[in-house]
Amino acid sequence: MTSQTEITNDERLCGNYLCTYKSDPRFQITLKLIRYIGIDCDGNLDCVNTELDEEGCPDPTNMTTLLSGKQVPTTMACDDVCDAFDCENEAICNGYRYGMYCNFEGLPGKIHYTYLEGLSGICDRVVHCPNGEDEANCTVTNDTVNTCEHVRTHRIVPVHNYTRCAVLHDSSGNVLKNYCADYASEQTNCSDPDRVGVSCQINGYMSTVSKYVICFGEQICDDNIENVCLGPSFDCHVHKHLMCDGQQDCNDNKDETHISCREKTQQKCKRRVGKAGELQIPLSWLGDKVMDCIDGRDEEKIWPTCGKGKSLRVVTVDKTCQNVFLCPWDEPGPGFVELSGLCDGLHTCGNENKVCSKSRSSARISTTVLTTDRGLSKHLSFCIKGLKNIGHFKDCT
């Protein structure tokens, strides 16, 4: 009987066939298991019936060997995504360890220094490591500083440095449940500065929140700054502080061409979210009741302004105030448009685009000047199609 038994799962080796393991022909294993124990693309032919476990492998110079001996493409190592079956590609990053390693007996004759699959296997009342290391240090005492409800057992367990701020998504975009039943307990107070997304107050105390929960939707910071996110285009959802920063985050670059990016302050500040350094502040962010700068200067009343009432606005620098076009009715927004912003195709002030489109179709433009008030005032006639109501002229001909 042939050892190439056809199978129907999606993990395939030799096109839907099992591999007969060379060290012990009694074992037939799938590609998923071969990848899991890290013996594919290791330079050894491990199957009796095929060589495909060593074919199609990446260039060895572009591979990274993990602590367990498994190899992954270098681009997957510490890429903020759980690419491997056990997430070991994210286990040791920037000198910090996430999760736990233990000696684990694999196939006959092989002992592997194996990464424990998933953080939820730590302190879950099931011994996974032969030496029981995964169930050590799981008791809460009076000296325990941080605790949480375990995601599997729901008992209160200590939060360790190696269970904090682990990646939250796999390569398919699925959200991982790591160690704690809530994300606030395990995605805060990160040891690795590269995994910090924002610093904020949590229950009145200053702490750090991981970058993996930015725009995640679950409130952790007292002011919810981690979820102040925008949709500049249909398929793009990005944090406010990652817009107008010179770095493209949306596929269509709408985060950098958004209308709010047009006018910015001359002064710079470090934004609370992101690592872009000192950046100019979009004028629309000033005084919007959201603290965008780490030092809070965007909410201070120190910025030059122009106009009054409905046209009161912040400007880039102190200068002579220019006229603006007041919106004909109350709409969300500033209530006016700078004259330079008229007829730009953007719907920012009621029917301004309809007015502009009608005026462009006029056969001629009237330049009649009416002198009044004994020559002290001059009025330009607005007897132009679509614009006559602006000047309130009743007898346009």
Foldseek 3Di string as FASTA:
>chain_A
DDQFDADDDPQADPRRGWFQFPVHSVDTHTPLVCLQQAPQCPPDQGGPPDRRSNPPDDDPVQWDQFPQRHIDGVCQQCVLAQAGQQSSSPQADPNDGAADWAWDDDPPPDITRHGDRFQLQACLPDQDHPVSPSNPQFDDDPPQDAWAQFLRNRDIGGADLNQALHRQHHPVGHGDDGTHNDNLRRFKQHPDPVQFFFWADFPNHIITGGPRCQCVPDAGHPVSQSNCWDDLDDPDIGRLLVALLPDQDDPVSSSNVPPQNPAWAPFWADFRGDDSGTDTGRQVQACPPDQGGPVSPSNDPPFDWDDDDLRIGGHRHDDPDDDWAAAPDDDPDSRTGRPVPACPPDPDGPCRVVLVVQQVPWPDDAQDWDADPVRPDIDGQQLGGSRNVVVPDDDRD
